[in-house]
Amino acid sequence: MENILIVINIIFAVLLIIVILLQRSEGGALGLGVSQESFTSSRSVGNFLTKSTTILATLFIITSVILVAISRDELREVQSVIEKEEEQDSSLPQIPDSSK
Protein backbone atom coordinates (compact mmCIF):
# COMPACT_ATOMS: atom_id res chain seq x y z
CA MET A 1 0.00 0.00 0.00
CA GLU A 2 2.84 2.35 0.82
CA ASN A 3 4.41 1.80 -2.60
CA ILE A 4 1.14 2.64 -4.33
CA LEU A 5 0.86 5.87 -2.35
CA ILE A 6 4.44 6.80 -3.20
CA VAL A 7 3.75 6.32 -6.92
CA ILE A 8 0.53 8.36 -6.67
CA ASN A 9 2.40 11.08 -4.76
CA ILE A 10 5.09 11.25 -7.46
CA ILE A 11 2.43 11.45 -10.19
CA PHE A 12 0.71 14.32 -8.35
CA ALA A 13 4.07 16.09 -7.99
CA VAL A 14 4.87 15.82 -11.69
CA LEU A 15 1.38 16.95 -12.72
CA LEU A 16 1.59 19.85 -10.28
CA ILE A 17 4.91 20.96 -11.77
CA ILE A 18 3.49 20.76 -15.30
CA VAL A 19 0.34 22.72 -14.42
CA ILE A 20 2.36 25.40 -12.64
CA LEU A 21 4.71 25.77 -15.61
CA LEU A 22 1.77 26.09 -18.00
CA GLN A 23 0.34 29.06 -16.13
CA ARG A 24 0.89 32.53 -17.43
CA SER A 25 3.55 34.38 -15.53
CA GLU A 26 3.84 38.13 -15.14
CA GLY A 27 6.49 38.32 -17.85
CA GLY A 28 4.98 35.92 -20.38
CA ALA A 29 3.99 32.30 -20.89
CA LEU A 30 6.99 29.96 -20.78
CA GLY A 31 8.58 31.66 -23.74
CA LEU A 32 6.69 29.40 -26.12
CA GLY A 33 6.13 32.19 -28.61
CA VAL A 34 2.37 31.82 -28.29
CA SER A 35 0.50 34.98 -27.41
CA GLN A 36 -2.38 34.89 -24.99
CA GLU A 37 -4.68 36.43 -27.61
CA SER A 38 -4.56 33.21 -29.62
CA PHE A 39 -6.49 31.37 -26.94
CA THR A 40 -10.26 31.56 -27.20
CA SER A 41 -10.61 32.85 -23.69
CA SER A 42 -7.48 33.47 -21.66
CA ARG A 43 -9.51 33.99 -18.48
CA SER A 44 -11.19 30.60 -18.73
CA VAL A 45 -7.82 28.92 -19.33
CA GLY A 46 -6.39 30.81 -16.34
CA ASN A 47 -9.30 29.80 -14.13
CA PHE A 48 -8.96 26.16 -15.19
CA LEU A 49 -5.23 26.12 -14.48
CA THR A 50 -5.72 27.87 -11.13
CA LYS A 51 -8.40 25.41 -10.04
CA SER A 52 -6.41 22.40 -11.23
CA THR A 53 -3.33 23.69 -9.38
CA THR A 54 -5.35 24.01 -6.19
CA ILE A 55 -6.81 20.52 -6.53
CA LEU A 56 -3.46 18.91 -7.38
CA ALA A 57 -1.69 20.70 -4.53
CA THR A 58 -4.38 19.56 -2.08
CA LEU A 59 -4.15 15.95 -3.26
CA PHE A 60 -0.34 16.08 -3.09
CA ILE A 61 -0.42 17.36 0.50
CA ILE A 62 -3.02 14.75 1.53
CA THR A 63 -0.97 11.87 0.10
CA SER A 64 2.18 13.26 1.73
CA VAL A 65 0.49 13.42 5.13
CA ILE A 66 -0.84 9.87 4.72
CA LEU A 67 2.66 8.63 3.84
CA VAL A 68 4.09 10.29 6.94
CA ALA A 69 1.38 8.75 9.11
CA ILE A 70 2.06 5.29 7.68
CA SER A 71 5.82 5.59 8.19
CA ARG A 72 5.38 6.80 11.78
CA ASP A 73 3.21 3.78 12.58
CA GLU A 74 5.96 1.49 11.28
CA LEU A 75 8.57 3.28 13.40
CA ARG A 76 6.55 2.95 16.60
CA GLU A 77 6.77 -0.84 16.51
CA VAL A 78 10.49 -0.79 17.38
CA GLN A 79 11.61 2.13 19.50
CA SER A 80 15.31 1.42 19.84
CA VAL A 81 17.88 0.81 17.13
CA ILE A 82 19.62 -1.74 19.37
CA GLU A 83 16.38 -3.69 19.86
CA LYS A 84 15.81 -3.65 16.11
CA GLU A 85 19.29 -5.05 15.43
CA GLU A 86 18.88 -7.77 18.09
CA GLU A 87 15.60 -8.88 16.53
CA GLN A 88 17.08 -9.08 13.05
CA ASP A 89 20.42 -10.78 13.82
CA SER A 90 19.79 -13.26 16.61
CA SER A 91 22.29 -15.71 15.04
CA LEU A 92 25.26 -13.47 15.86
CA PRO A 93 27.45 -14.41 18.84
CA GLN A 94 26.43 -12.76 22.08
CA ILE A 95 28.73 -10.59 24.20
CA PRO A 96 29.77 -12.50 27.33
CA ASP A 97 28.48 -11.26 30.65
CA SER A 98 31.42 -9.80 32.66
CA SER A 99 29.54 -9.34 35.95
CA LYS A 100 30.66 -12.74 37.33
PDB file of N, CA and C in Angstrom:
ATOM      1  N   MET A   1       0.824  -1.196   0.000  1.00  0.00           N
ATOM      2  CA  MET A   1       0.000   0.000   0.000  1.00  0.00           C
ATOM      3  C   MET A   1       0.865   1.256   0.000  1.00  0.00           C
ATOM      4  N   GLU A   2       1.963   1.185   0.746  1.00  0.00           N
ATOM      5  CA  GLU A   2       2.845   2.346   0.818  1.00  0.00           C
ATOM      6  C   GLU A   2       3.473   2.638  -0.545  1.00  0.00           C
ATOM      7  N   ASN A   3       3.826   1.600  -1.277  1.00  0.00           N
ATOM      8  CA  ASN A   3       4.413   1.803  -2.601  1.00  0.00           C
ATOM      9  C   ASN A   3       3.423   2.447  -3.567  1.00  0.00           C
ATOM     10  N   ILE A   4       2.169   2.047  -3.479  1.00  0.00           N
ATOM     11  CA  ILE A   4       1.144   2.639  -4.332  1.00  0.00           C
ATOM     12  C   ILE A   4       0.980   4.124  -4.021  1.00  0.00           C
ATOM     13  N   LEU A   5       0.981   4.460  -2.734  1.00  0.00           N
ATOM     14  CA  LEU A   5       0.856   5.866  -2.345  1.00  0.00           C
ATOM     15  C   LEU A   5       2.066   6.682  -2.784  1.00  0.00           C
ATOM     16  N   ILE A   6       3.237   6.088  -2.747  1.00  0.00           N
ATOM     17  CA  ILE A   6       4.441   6.802  -3.202  1.00  0.00           C
ATOM     18  C   ILE A   6       4.343   7.087  -4.695  1.00  0.00           C
ATOM     19  N   VAL A   7       3.901   6.115  -5.473  1.00  0.00           N
ATOM     20  CA  VAL A   7       3.751   6.319  -6.917  1.00  0.00           C
ATOM     21  C   VAL A   7       2.704   7.392  -7.196  1.00  0.00           C
ATOM     22  N   ILE A   8       1.583   7.347  -6.490  1.00  0.00           N
ATOM     23  CA  ILE A   8       0.530   8.360  -6.669  1.00  0.00           C
ATOM     24  C   ILE A   8       1.052   9.739  -6.288  1.00  0.00           C
ATOM     25  N   ASN A   9       1.832   9.811  -5.214  1.00  0.00           N
ATOM     26  CA  ASN A   9       2.396  11.081  -4.762  1.00  0.00           C
ATOM     27  C   ASN A   9       3.357  11.644  -5.811  1.00  0.00           C
ATOM     28  N   ILE A  10       4.168  10.796  -6.417  1.00  0.00           N
ATOM     29  CA  ILE A  10       5.088  11.247  -7.463  1.00  0.00           C
ATOM     30  C   ILE A  10       4.313  11.732  -8.687  1.00  0.00           C
ATOM     31  N   ILE A  11       3.253  11.031  -9.046  1.00  0.00           N
ATOM     32  CA  ILE A  11       2.427  11.453 -10.189  1.00  0.00           C
ATOM     33  C   ILE A  11       1.810  12.818  -9.913  1.00  0.00           C
ATOM     34  N   PHE A  12       1.270  13.010  -8.700  1.00  0.00           N
ATOM     35  CA  PHE A  12       0.713  14.320  -8.348  1.00  0.00           C
ATOM     36  C   PHE A  12       1.777  15.406  -8.408  1.00  0.00           C
ATOM     37  N   ALA A  13       2.989  15.100  -7.967  1.00  0.00           N
ATOM     38  CA  ALA A  13       4.066  16.094  -7.987  1.00  0.00           C
ATOM     39  C   ALA A  13       4.423  16.495  -9.410  1.00  0.00           C
ATOM     40  N   VAL A  14       4.537  15.519 -10.297  1.00  0.00           N
ATOM     41  CA  VAL A  14       4.873  15.816 -11.694  1.00  0.00           C
ATOM     42  C   VAL A  14       3.752  16.617 -12.358  1.00  0.00           C
ATOM     43  N   LEU A  15       2.507  16.201 -12.137  1.00  0.00           N
ATOM     44  CA  LEU A  15       1.379  16.946 -12.716  1.00  0.00           C
ATOM     45  C   LEU A  15       1.310  18.369 -12.172  1.00  0.00           C
ATOM     46  N   LEU A  16       1.603  18.515 -10.890  1.00  0.00           N
ATOM     47  CA  LEU A  16       1.592  19.855 -10.282  1.00  0.00           C
ATOM     48  C   LEU A  16       2.665  20.739 -10.902  1.00  0.00           C
ATOM     49  N   ILE A  17       3.832  20.194 -11.133  1.00  0.00           N
ATOM     50  CA  ILE A  17       4.909  20.960 -11.774  1.00  0.00           C
ATOM     51  C   ILE A  17       4.500  21.373 -13.182  1.00  0.00           C
ATOM     52  N   ILE A  18       3.910  20.452 -13.926  1.00  0.00           N
ATOM     53  CA  ILE A  18       3.493  20.760 -15.304  1.00  0.00           C
ATOM     54  C   ILE A  18       2.425  21.846 -15.328  1.00  0.00           C
ATOM     55  N   VAL A  19       1.432  21.727 -14.444  1.00  0.00           N
ATOM     56  CA  VAL A  19       0.341  22.719 -14.422  1.00  0.00           C
ATOM     57  C   VAL A  19       0.868  24.086 -14.003  1.00  0.00           C
ATOM     58  N   ILE A  20       1.799  24.115 -13.066  1.00  0.00           N
ATOM     59  CA  ILE A  20       2.363  25.400 -12.643  1.00  0.00           C
ATOM     60  C   ILE A  20       3.164  26.036 -13.770  1.00  0.00           C
ATOM     61  N   LEU A  21       3.925  25.224 -14.496  1.00  0.00           N
ATOM     62  CA  LEU A  21       4.712  25.774 -15.607  1.00  0.00           C
ATOM     63  C   LEU A  21       3.847  26.229 -16.776  1.00  0.00           C
ATOM     64  N   LEU A  22       2.659  25.674 -16.920  1.00  0.00           N
ATOM     65  CA  LEU A  22       1.771  26.095 -18.002  1.00  0.00           C
ATOM     66  C   LEU A  22       1.080  27.421 -17.716  1.00  0.00           C
ATOM     67  N   GLN A  23       1.050  27.821 -16.469  1.00  0.00           N
ATOM     68  CA  GLN A  23       0.345  29.056 -16.129  1.00  0.00           C
ATOM     69  C   GLN A  23       1.088  30.269 -16.655  1.00  0.00           C
ATOM     70  N   ARG A  24       0.335  31.288 -16.915  1.00  0.00           N
ATOM     71  CA  ARG A  24       0.888  32.533 -17.431  1.00  0.00           C
ATOM     72  C   ARG A  24       1.573  33.285 -16.295  1.00  0.00           C
ATOM     73  N   SER A  25       2.824  33.618 -16.531  1.00  0.00           N
ATOM     74  CA  SER A  25       3.549  34.377 -15.526  1.00  0.00           C
ATOM     75  C   SER A  25       3.394  35.866 -15.817  1.00  0.00           C
ATOM     76  N   GLU A  26       3.958  36.682 -14.959  1.00  0.00           N
ATOM     77  CA  GLU A  26       3.843  38.128 -15.144  1.00  0.00           C
ATOM     78  C   GLU A  26       4.593  38.584 -16.389  1.00  0.00           C
ATOM     79  N   GLY A  27       5.674  37.891 -16.733  1.00  0.00           N
ATOM     80  CA  GLY A  27       6.487  38.316 -17.854  1.00  0.00           C
ATOM     81  C   GLY A  27       6.118  37.655 -19.169  1.00  0.00           C
ATOM     82  N   GLY A  28       5.334  36.613 -19.151  1.00  0.00           N
ATOM     83  CA  GLY A  28       4.981  35.918 -20.380  1.00  0.00           C
ATOM     84  C   GLY A  28       4.665  34.471 -20.065  1.00  0.00           C
ATOM     85  N   ALA A  29       4.399  33.690 -21.095  1.00  0.00           N
ATOM     86  CA  ALA A  29       3.991  32.303 -20.893  1.00  0.00           C
ATOM     87  C   ALA A  29       5.075  31.355 -21.376  1.00  0.00           C
ATOM     88  N   LEU A  30       5.966  30.975 -20.537  1.00  0.00           N
ATOM     89  CA  LEU A  30       6.987  29.956 -20.785  1.00  0.00           C
ATOM     90  C   LEU A  30       7.887  30.227 -21.983  1.00  0.00           C
ATOM     91  N   GLY A  31       7.778  31.361 -22.576  1.00  0.00           N
ATOM     92  CA  GLY A  31       8.584  31.659 -23.742  1.00  0.00           C
ATOM     93  C   GLY A  31       8.280  30.772 -24.929  1.00  0.00           C
ATOM     94  N   LEU A  32       7.058  30.296 -25.042  1.00  0.00           N
ATOM     95  CA  LEU A  32       6.692  29.396 -26.122  1.00  0.00           C
ATOM     96  C   LEU A  32       6.450  30.125 -27.433  1.00  0.00           C
ATOM     97  N   GLY A  33       6.398  31.434 -27.399  1.00  0.00           N
ATOM     98  CA  GLY A  33       6.130  32.185 -28.612  1.00  0.00           C
ATOM     99  C   GLY A  33       4.658  32.249 -28.957  1.00  0.00           C
ATOM    100  N   VAL A  34       3.807  31.804 -28.055  1.00  0.00           N
ATOM    101  CA  VAL A  34       2.367  31.825 -28.289  1.00  0.00           C
ATOM    102  C   VAL A  34       1.788  32.976 -27.475  1.00  0.00           C
ATOM    103  N   SER A  35       1.088  33.859 -28.137  1.00  0.00           N
ATOM    104  CA  SER A  35       0.504  34.979 -27.413  1.00  0.00           C
ATOM    105  C   SER A  35      -0.796  34.543 -26.757  1.00  0.00           C
ATOM    106  N   GLN A  36      -1.169  35.226 -25.707  1.00  0.00           N
ATOM    107  CA  GLN A  36      -2.384  34.893 -24.987  1.00  0.00           C
ATOM    108  C   GLN A  36      -3.631  35.223 -25.808  1.00  0.00           C
ATOM    109  N   GLU A  37      -3.528  36.089 -26.803  1.00  0.00           N
ATOM    110  CA  GLU A  37      -4.679  36.432 -27.610  1.00  0.00           C
ATOM    111  C   GLU A  37      -5.105  35.282 -28.517  1.00  0.00           C
ATOM    112  N   SER A  38      -4.206  34.319 -28.752  1.00  0.00           N
ATOM    113  CA  SER A  38      -4.555  33.215 -29.625  1.00  0.00           C
ATOM    114  C   SER A  38      -5.494  32.222 -28.948  1.00  0.00           C
ATOM    115  N   PHE A  39      -5.541  32.234 -27.636  1.00  0.00           N
ATOM    116  CA  PHE A  39      -6.489  31.369 -26.940  1.00  0.00           C
ATOM    117  C   PHE A  39      -7.897  31.945 -27.087  1.00  0.00           C
ATOM    118  N   THR A  40      -8.896  31.079 -27.044  1.00  0.00           N
ATOM    119  CA  THR A  40     -10.262  31.561 -27.198  1.00  0.00           C
ATOM    120  C   THR A  40     -10.655  32.450 -26.030  1.00  0.00           C
ATOM    121  N   SER A  41     -10.317  32.026 -24.861  1.00  0.00           N
ATOM    122  CA  SER A  41     -10.609  32.851 -23.694  1.00  0.00           C
ATOM    123  C   SER A  41      -9.498  32.637 -22.675  1.00  0.00           C
ATOM    124  N   SER A  42      -8.622  33.625 -22.554  1.00  0.00           N
ATOM    125  CA  SER A  42      -7.480  33.468 -21.657  1.00  0.00           C
ATOM    126  C   SER A  42      -7.915  33.419 -20.193  1.00  0.00           C
ATOM    127  N   ARG A  43      -9.027  34.039 -19.867  1.00  0.00           N
ATOM    128  CA  ARG A  43      -9.514  33.987 -18.484  1.00  0.00           C
ATOM    129  C   ARG A  43     -10.003  32.597 -18.116  1.00  0.00           C
ATOM    130  N   SER A  44     -10.703  31.940 -19.035  1.00  0.00           N
ATOM    131  CA  SER A  44     -11.187  30.596 -18.727  1.00  0.00           C
ATOM    132  C   SER A  44     -10.033  29.608 -18.611  1.00  0.00           C
ATOM    133  N   VAL A  45      -9.003  29.780 -19.431  1.00  0.00           N
ATOM    134  CA  VAL A  45      -7.819  28.923 -19.326  1.00  0.00           C
ATOM    135  C   VAL A  45      -7.116  29.193 -18.004  1.00  0.00           C
ATOM    136  N   GLY A  46      -7.014  30.456 -17.620  1.00  0.00           N
ATOM    137  CA  GLY A  46      -6.393  30.813 -16.342  1.00  0.00           C
ATOM    138  C   GLY A  46      -7.163  30.257 -15.163  1.00  0.00           C
ATOM    139  N   ASN A  47      -8.494  30.343 -15.218  1.00  0.00           N
ATOM    140  CA  ASN A  47      -9.302  29.797 -14.134  1.00  0.00           C
ATOM    141  C   ASN A  47      -9.157  28.280 -14.038  1.00  0.00           C
ATOM    142  N   PHE A  48      -9.125  27.605 -15.187  1.00  0.00           N
ATOM    143  CA  PHE A  48      -8.962  26.157 -15.191  1.00  0.00           C
ATOM    144  C   PHE A  48      -7.619  25.756 -14.596  1.00  0.00           C
ATOM    145  N   LEU A  49      -6.555  26.455 -15.006  1.00  0.00           N
ATOM    146  CA  LEU A  49      -5.229  26.124 -14.482  1.00  0.00           C
ATOM    147  C   LEU A  49      -5.124  26.437 -12.991  1.00  0.00           C
ATOM    148  N   THR A  50      -5.747  27.524 -12.554  1.00  0.00           N
ATOM    149  CA  THR A  50      -5.720  27.870 -11.131  1.00  0.00           C
ATOM    150  C   THR A  50      -6.462  26.830 -10.303  1.00  0.00           C
ATOM    151  N   LYS A  51      -7.629  26.414 -10.772  1.00  0.00           N
ATOM    152  CA  LYS A  51      -8.398  25.407 -10.037  1.00  0.00           C
ATOM    153  C   LYS A  51      -7.689  24.059 -10.036  1.00  0.00           C
ATOM    154  N   SER A  52      -7.119  23.686 -11.181  1.00  0.00           N
ATOM    155  CA  SER A  52      -6.414  22.405 -11.228  1.00  0.00           C
ATOM    156  C   SER A  52      -5.155  22.430 -10.359  1.00  0.00           C
ATOM    157  N   THR A  53      -4.480  23.570 -10.280  1.00  0.00           N
ATOM    158  CA  THR A  53      -3.326  23.689  -9.385  1.00  0.00           C
ATOM    159  C   THR A  53      -3.745  23.514  -7.939  1.00  0.00           C
ATOM    160  N   THR A  54      -4.856  24.128  -7.559  1.00  0.00           N
ATOM    161  CA  THR A  54      -5.349  24.011  -6.189  1.00  0.00           C
ATOM    162  C   THR A  54      -5.718  22.564  -5.860  1.00  0.00           C
ATOM    163  N   ILE A  55      -6.392  21.910  -6.769  1.00  0.00           N
ATOM    164  CA  ILE A  55      -6.808  20.518  -6.531  1.00  0.00           C
ATOM    165  C   ILE A  55      -5.593  19.601  -6.449  1.00  0.00           C
ATOM    166  N   LEU A  56      -4.650  19.751  -7.390  1.00  0.00           N
ATOM    167  CA  LEU A  56      -3.459  18.905  -7.376  1.00  0.00           C
ATOM    168  C   LEU A  56      -2.595  19.143  -6.137  1.00  0.00           C
ATOM    169  N   ALA A  57      -2.474  20.406  -5.724  1.00  0.00           N
ATOM    170  CA  ALA A  57      -1.692  20.703  -4.525  1.00  0.00           C
ATOM    171  C   ALA A  57      -2.340  20.088  -3.290  1.00  0.00           C
ATOM    172  N   THR A  58      -3.668  20.153  -3.209  1.00  0.00           N
ATOM    173  CA  THR A  58      -4.383  19.560  -2.077  1.00  0.00           C
ATOM    174  C   THR A  58      -4.199  18.045  -2.049  1.00  0.00           C
ATOM    175  N   LEU A  59      -4.338  17.397  -3.199  1.00  0.00           N
ATOM    176  CA  LEU A  59      -4.149  15.947  -3.262  1.00  0.00           C
ATOM    177  C   LEU A  59      -2.713  15.554  -2.935  1.00  0.00           C
ATOM    178  N   PHE A  60      -1.744  16.346  -3.395  1.00  0.00           N
ATOM    179  CA  PHE A  60      -0.340  16.080  -3.090  1.00  0.00           C
ATOM    180  C   PHE A  60      -0.076  16.173  -1.593  1.00  0.00           C
ATOM    181  N   ILE A  61      -0.618  17.185  -0.948  1.00  0.00           N
ATOM    182  CA  ILE A  61      -0.420  17.357   0.498  1.00  0.00           C
ATOM    183  C   ILE A  61      -1.098  16.228   1.266  1.00  0.00           C
ATOM    184  N   ILE A  62      -2.299  15.841   0.843  1.00  0.00           N
ATOM    185  CA  ILE A  62      -3.018  14.754   1.528  1.00  0.00           C
ATOM    186  C   ILE A  62      -2.235  13.450   1.428  1.00  0.00           C
ATOM    187  N   THR A  63      -1.739  13.114   0.236  1.00  0.00           N
ATOM    188  CA  THR A  63      -0.973  11.870   0.103  1.00  0.00           C
ATOM    189  C   THR A  63       0.338  11.933   0.876  1.00  0.00           C
ATOM    190  N   SER A  64       0.946  13.108   0.945  1.00  0.00           N
ATOM    191  CA  SER A  64       2.179  13.258   1.727  1.00  0.00           C
ATOM    192  C   SER A  64       1.921  13.038   3.209  1.00  0.00           C
ATOM    193  N   VAL A  65       0.824  13.597   3.713  1.00  0.00           N
ATOM    194  CA  VAL A  65       0.488  13.418   5.134  1.00  0.00           C
ATOM    195  C   VAL A  65       0.165  11.956   5.427  1.00  0.00           C
ATOM    196  N   ILE A  66      -0.532  11.293   4.526  1.00  0.00           N
ATOM    197  CA  ILE A  66      -0.844   9.871   4.720  1.00  0.00           C
ATOM    198  C   ILE A  66       0.439   9.040   4.741  1.00  0.00           C
ATOM    199  N   LEU A  67       1.382   9.354   3.850  1.00  0.00           N
ATOM    200  CA  LEU A  67       2.655   8.630   3.837  1.00  0.00           C
ATOM    201  C   LEU A  67       3.437   8.830   5.132  1.00  0.00           C
ATOM    202  N   VAL A  68       3.414  10.037   5.654  1.00  0.00           N
ATOM    203  CA  VAL A  68       4.088  10.290   6.936  1.00  0.00           C
ATOM    204  C   VAL A  68       3.416   9.513   8.056  1.00  0.00           C
ATOM    205  N   ALA A  69       2.097   9.483   8.066  1.00  0.00           N
ATOM    206  CA  ALA A  69       1.375   8.746   9.105  1.00  0.00           C
ATOM    207  C   ALA A  69       1.672   7.253   9.038  1.00  0.00           C
ATOM    208  N   ILE A  70       1.752   6.710   7.833  1.00  0.00           N
ATOM    209  CA  ILE A  70       2.061   5.285   7.678  1.00  0.00           C
ATOM    210  C   ILE A  70       3.476   4.990   8.157  1.00  0.00           C
ATOM    211  N   SER A  71       4.427   5.842   7.792  1.00  0.00           N
ATOM    212  CA  SER A  71       5.816   5.593   8.191  1.00  0.00           C
ATOM    213  C   SER A  71       6.000   5.752   9.695  1.00  0.00           C
ATOM    214  N   ARG A  72       5.272   6.647  10.318  1.00  0.00           N
ATOM    215  CA  ARG A  72       5.381   6.800  11.779  1.00  0.00           C
ATOM    216  C   ARG A  72       4.818   5.586  12.497  1.00  0.00           C
ATOM    217  N   ASP A  73       3.756   4.985  11.973  1.00  0.00           N
ATOM    218  CA  ASP A  73       3.206   3.775  12.579  1.00  0.00           C
ATOM    219  C   ASP A  73       4.206   2.629  12.512  1.00  0.00           C
ATOM    220  N   GLU A  74       4.943   2.537  11.412  1.00  0.00           N
ATOM    221  CA  GLU A  74       5.957   1.492  11.284  1.00  0.00           C
ATOM    222  C   GLU A  74       7.112   1.727  12.242  1.00  0.00           C
ATOM    223  N   LEU A  75       7.460   2.976  12.496  1.00  0.00           N
ATOM    224  CA  LEU A  75       8.571   3.276  13.397  1.00  0.00           C
ATOM    225  C   LEU A  75       8.209   3.046  14.861  1.00  0.00           C
ATOM    226  N   ARG A  76       6.955   3.127  15.208  1.00  0.00           N
ATOM    227  CA  ARG A  76       6.545   2.951  16.596  1.00  0.00           C
ATOM    228  C   ARG A  76       6.648   1.503  17.065  1.00  0.00           C
ATOM    229  N   GLU A  77       6.678   0.562  16.133  1.00  0.00           N
ATOM    230  CA  GLU A  77       6.771  -0.841  16.511  1.00  0.00           C
ATOM    231  C   GLU A  77       8.076  -1.129  17.238  1.00  0.00           C
ATOM    232  N   VAL A  78       9.187  -0.619  16.755  1.00  0.00           N
ATOM    233  CA  VAL A  78      10.493  -0.792  17.384  1.00  0.00           C
ATOM    234  C   VAL A  78      10.995   0.585  17.759  1.00  0.00           C
ATOM    235  N   GLN A  79      11.238   0.797  19.055  1.00  0.00           N
ATOM    236  CA  GLN A  79      11.606   2.130  19.504  1.00  0.00           C
ATOM    237  C   GLN A  79      13.111   2.338  19.567  1.00  0.00           C
ATOM    238  N   SER A  80      13.885   1.281  19.686  1.00  0.00           N
ATOM    239  CA  SER A  80      15.313   1.417  19.839  1.00  0.00           C
ATOM    240  C   SER A  80      16.025   0.765  18.662  1.00  0.00           C
ATOM    241  N   VAL A  81      17.098   1.371  18.224  1.00  0.00           N
ATOM    242  CA  VAL A  81      17.880   0.814  17.130  1.00  0.00           C
ATOM    243  C   VAL A  81      18.546  -0.487  17.587  1.00  0.00           C
ATOM    244  N   ILE A  82      18.978  -0.535  18.836  1.00  0.00           N
ATOM    245  CA  ILE A  82      19.616  -1.739  19.365  1.00  0.00           C
ATOM    246  C   ILE A  82      18.624  -2.895  19.396  1.00  0.00           C
ATOM    247  N   GLU A  83      17.396  -2.643  19.840  1.00  0.00           N
ATOM    248  CA  GLU A  83      16.377  -3.694  19.856  1.00  0.00           C
ATOM    249  C   GLU A  83      16.083  -4.185  18.440  1.00  0.00           C
ATOM    250  N   LYS A  84      16.078  -3.281  17.495  1.00  0.00           N
ATOM    251  CA  LYS A  84      15.807  -3.646  16.114  1.00  0.00           C
ATOM    252  C   LYS A  84      16.921  -4.554  15.586  1.00  0.00           C
ATOM    253  N   GLU A  85      18.165  -4.238  15.880  1.00  0.00           N
ATOM    254  CA  GLU A  85      19.292  -5.053  15.428  1.00  0.00           C
ATOM    255  C   GLU A  85      19.276  -6.424  16.094  1.00  0.00           C
ATOM    256  N   GLU A  86      18.924  -6.491  17.384  1.00  0.00           N
ATOM    257  CA  GLU A  86      18.878  -7.768  18.085  1.00  0.00           C
ATOM    258  C   GLU A  86      17.801  -8.671  17.507  1.00  0.00           C
ATOM    259  N   GLU A  87      16.676  -8.085  17.114  1.00  0.00           N
ATOM    260  CA  GLU A  87      15.597  -8.882  16.529  1.00  0.00           C
ATOM    261  C   GLU A  87      15.980  -9.419  15.158  1.00  0.00           C
ATOM    262  N   GLN A  88      16.719  -8.663  14.395  1.00  0.00           N
ATOM    263  CA  GLN A  88      17.079  -9.079  13.050  1.00  0.00           C
ATOM    264  C   GLN A  88      18.210 -10.109  13.045  1.00  0.00           C
ATOM    265  N   ASP A  89      19.239  -9.928  13.851  1.00  0.00           N
ATOM    266  CA  ASP A  89      20.421 -10.782  13.821  1.00  0.00           C
ATOM    267  C   ASP A  89      20.573 -11.547  15.136  1.00  0.00           C
ATOM    268  N   SER A  90      19.685 -12.469  15.390  1.00  0.00           N
ATOM    269  CA  SER A  90      19.791 -13.261  16.612  1.00  0.00           C
ATOM    270  C   SER A  90      20.814 -14.382  16.468  1.00  0.00           C
ATOM    271  N   SER A  91      21.314 -14.649  15.255  1.00  0.00           N
ATOM    272  CA  SER A  91      22.292 -15.706  15.044  1.00  0.00           C
ATOM    273  C   SER A  91      23.722 -15.261  15.338  1.00  0.00           C
ATOM    274  N   LEU A  92      23.931 -13.967  15.565  1.00  0.00           N
ATOM    275  CA  LEU A  92      25.264 -13.471  15.864  1.00  0.00           C
ATOM    276  C   LEU A  92      25.687 -13.886  17.269  1.00  0.00           C
ATOM    277  N   PRO A  93      26.989 -14.053  17.495  1.00  0.00           N
ATOM    278  CA  PRO A  93      27.453 -14.407  18.837  1.00  0.00           C
ATOM    279  C   PRO A  93      27.131 -13.302  19.832  1.00  0.00           C
ATOM    280  N   GLN A  94      26.798 -13.713  21.038  1.00  0.00           N
ATOM    281  CA  GLN A  94      26.431 -12.763  22.082  1.00  0.00           C
ATOM    282  C   GLN A  94      27.674 -12.321  22.847  1.00  0.00           C
ATOM    283  N   ILE A  95      27.637 -11.113  23.377  1.00  0.00           N
ATOM    284  CA  ILE A  95      28.734 -10.588  24.196  1.00  0.00           C
ATOM    285  C   ILE A  95      28.673 -11.271  25.552  1.00  0.00           C
ATOM    286  N   PRO A  96      29.797 -11.822  26.037  1.00  0.00           N
ATOM    287  CA  PRO A  96      29.773 -12.504  27.327  1.00  0.00           C
ATOM    288  C   PRO A  96      29.496 -11.536  28.469  1.00  0.00           C
ATOM    289  N   ASP A  97      28.825 -12.059  29.476  1.00  0.00           N
ATOM    290  CA  ASP A  97      28.483 -11.261  30.650  1.00  0.00           C
ATOM    291  C   ASP A  97      29.704 -11.183  31.556  1.00  0.00           C
ATOM    292  N   SER A  98      30.200  -9.977  31.866  1.00  0.00           N
ATOM    293  CA  SER A  98      31.416  -9.799  32.659  1.00  0.00           C
ATOM    294  C   SER A  98      31.101  -9.511  34.125  1.00  0.00           C
ATOM    295  N   SER A  99      29.892  -9.660  34.567  1.00  0.00           N
ATOM    296  CA  SER A  99      29.538  -9.336  35.949  1.00  0.00           C
ATOM    297  C   SER A  99      29.843 -10.475  36.905  1.00  0.00           C
ATOM    298  N   LYS A 100      30.373 -11.606  36.467  1.00  0.00           N
ATOM    299  CA  LYS A 100      30.657 -12.743  37.333  1.00  0.00           C
ATOM    300  C   LYS A 100      31.877 -12.561  38.130  1.00  0.00           C
TER     301      LYS A 100
END
